[in-house]
Amino acid sequence: MASVSLGMCRSVSVMLINFFKKSYNTDQTAFYAEITETVLLVVASAVLSFTILNPATQIFVPLYLVGSCLGMFSTWRRGSSAFLMCCWFTLMNIWALIQLIIN
C-alpha cells in the first residue's frame, strides 16, 4: 500500500514539474507574470481572510488590482479565454480602489 502512495506522489510530482517547465519554456514573460500574480493574489486573499471582521481594504484592494492586471497581461500573451474574466476582475478592482480613494 505504501509503495502505491509513494509511486503516485512521484507521478504527480513529475507531472507538476513538467507542467511548470512547459509553462516556462512556452513564454517566460507570461510565466513570471503568472508567478507574481499568484503571490500577490494569495497574499491579498490571506489579508482579507485574516482581517474579515475589520477588512484591511487599503492593503488587499491594491494587491488584487495589481494581481488582476498581471492576470490580464499573462492571459493575453497566452491567448487564453480567461482574459475576459481577468478584465472583469480588473474593472471591479479599479472600482473598489476608486471607492477607497473617494471615501
Protein backbone atom coordinates (compact mmCIF):
# COMPACT_ATOMS: atom_id res chain seq x y z
CA MET A 1 0.00 0.00 0.00
CA ALA A 2 2.80 2.43 0.86
CA SER A 3 4.53 1.77 -2.45
CA VAL A 4 1.38 2.72 -4.36
CA SER A 5 1.14 6.00 -2.48
CA LEU A 6 4.82 6.75 -2.97
CA GLY A 7 4.60 5.93 -6.67
CA MET A 8 1.54 8.14 -7.06
CA CYS A 9 3.30 11.04 -5.28
CA ARG A 10 6.28 10.70 -7.62
CA SER A 11 3.97 10.62 -10.64
CA VAL A 12 2.15 13.76 -9.51
CA SER A 13 5.47 15.46 -8.76
CA VAL A 14 6.78 14.66 -12.25
CA MET A 15 3.53 15.96 -13.80
CA LEU A 16 3.78 19.24 -11.85
CA ILE A 17 7.45 19.71 -12.73
CA ASN A 18 6.71 19.08 -16.41
CA PHE A 19 3.75 21.49 -16.27
CA PHE A 20 5.92 24.31 -14.89
CA LYS A 21 8.77 23.53 -17.31
CA LYS A 22 6.37 23.67 -20.27
CA SER A 23 4.82 26.91 -19.00
CA TYR A 24 8.26 28.48 -18.54
CA ASN A 25 9.58 27.30 -21.91
CA THR A 26 6.43 28.42 -23.77
CA ASP A 27 6.55 32.05 -22.60
CA GLN A 28 8.99 33.14 -19.90
CA THR A 29 7.50 36.62 -19.57
CA ALA A 30 3.99 35.26 -19.03
CA PHE A 31 5.38 32.65 -16.63
CA TYR A 32 6.96 35.27 -14.36
CA ALA A 33 3.82 37.43 -14.58
CA GLU A 34 1.73 34.43 -13.51
CA ILE A 35 4.05 33.61 -10.59
CA THR A 36 4.00 37.23 -9.39
CA GLU A 37 0.23 37.41 -9.90
CA THR A 38 -0.27 34.25 -7.85
CA VAL A 39 1.85 35.54 -4.96
CA LEU A 40 0.01 38.88 -4.91
CA LEU A 41 -3.45 37.29 -5.05
CA VAL A 42 -2.60 34.72 -2.35
CA VAL A 43 -1.32 37.49 -0.06
CA ALA A 44 -4.39 39.65 -0.77
CA SER A 45 -6.69 36.72 -0.07
CA ALA A 46 -4.89 35.97 3.20
CA VAL A 47 -5.09 39.62 4.29
CA LEU A 48 -8.82 39.66 3.55
CA SER A 49 -9.39 36.37 5.36
CA PHE A 50 -7.41 37.34 8.46
CA THR A 51 -8.98 40.79 8.72
CA ILE A 52 -12.53 39.86 7.69
CA LEU A 53 -14.18 41.46 10.74
CA ASN A 54 -12.40 44.74 10.04
CA PRO A 55 -11.14 44.36 6.44
CA ALA A 56 -7.76 45.90 5.62
CA THR A 57 -9.04 47.27 2.33
CA GLN A 58 -6.09 49.65 1.90
CA ILE A 59 -3.87 46.56 1.67
CA PHE A 60 -5.82 43.89 -0.20
CA VAL A 61 -7.60 46.03 -2.83
CA PRO A 62 -4.35 47.32 -4.41
CA LEU A 63 -2.87 43.80 -4.26
CA TYR A 64 -5.94 42.39 -6.01
CA LEU A 65 -5.74 45.18 -8.62
CA VAL A 66 -2.09 44.58 -9.47
CA GLY A 67 -2.67 40.82 -9.48
CA SER A 68 -5.64 41.09 -11.82
CA CYS A 69 -3.70 43.42 -14.15
CA LEU A 70 -0.92 40.82 -14.30
CA GLY A 71 -3.60 38.22 -14.98
CA MET A 72 -4.83 40.26 -17.93
CA PHE A 73 -1.28 40.55 -19.23
CA SER A 74 -0.43 36.85 -18.92
CA THR A 75 -3.74 35.57 -20.30
CA TRP A 76 -3.45 37.95 -23.26
CA ARG A 77 0.07 36.69 -24.01
CA ARG A 78 -1.05 33.08 -23.77
CA GLY A 79 -4.21 33.69 -25.83
CA SER A 80 -6.48 32.39 -23.08
CA SER A 81 -10.21 32.97 -22.89
CA ALA A 82 -9.65 33.63 -19.17
CA PHE A 83 -8.63 37.11 -20.37
CA LEU A 84 -12.29 38.17 -20.21
CA MET A 85 -12.56 37.09 -16.57
CA CYS A 86 -9.33 38.90 -15.69
CA CYS A 87 -10.68 42.06 -17.39
CA TRP A 88 -13.81 41.85 -15.25
CA PHE A 89 -11.76 41.40 -12.06
CA THR A 90 -9.55 44.34 -13.04
CA LEU A 91 -12.54 46.60 -13.66
CA MET A 92 -14.09 45.63 -10.32
CA ASN A 93 -10.78 46.19 -8.52
CA ILE A 94 -10.40 49.61 -10.15
CA TRP A 95 -13.92 50.46 -8.95
CA ALA A 96 -13.03 49.27 -5.44
CA LEU A 97 -9.87 51.39 -5.43
CA ILE A 98 -11.84 54.44 -6.59
CA GLN A 99 -14.29 53.87 -3.72
CA LEU A 100 -11.37 53.66 -1.27
CA ILE A 101 -9.87 56.91 -2.55
CA ILE A 102 -13.19 58.80 -2.58
CA ASN A 103 -14.22 57.64 0.88
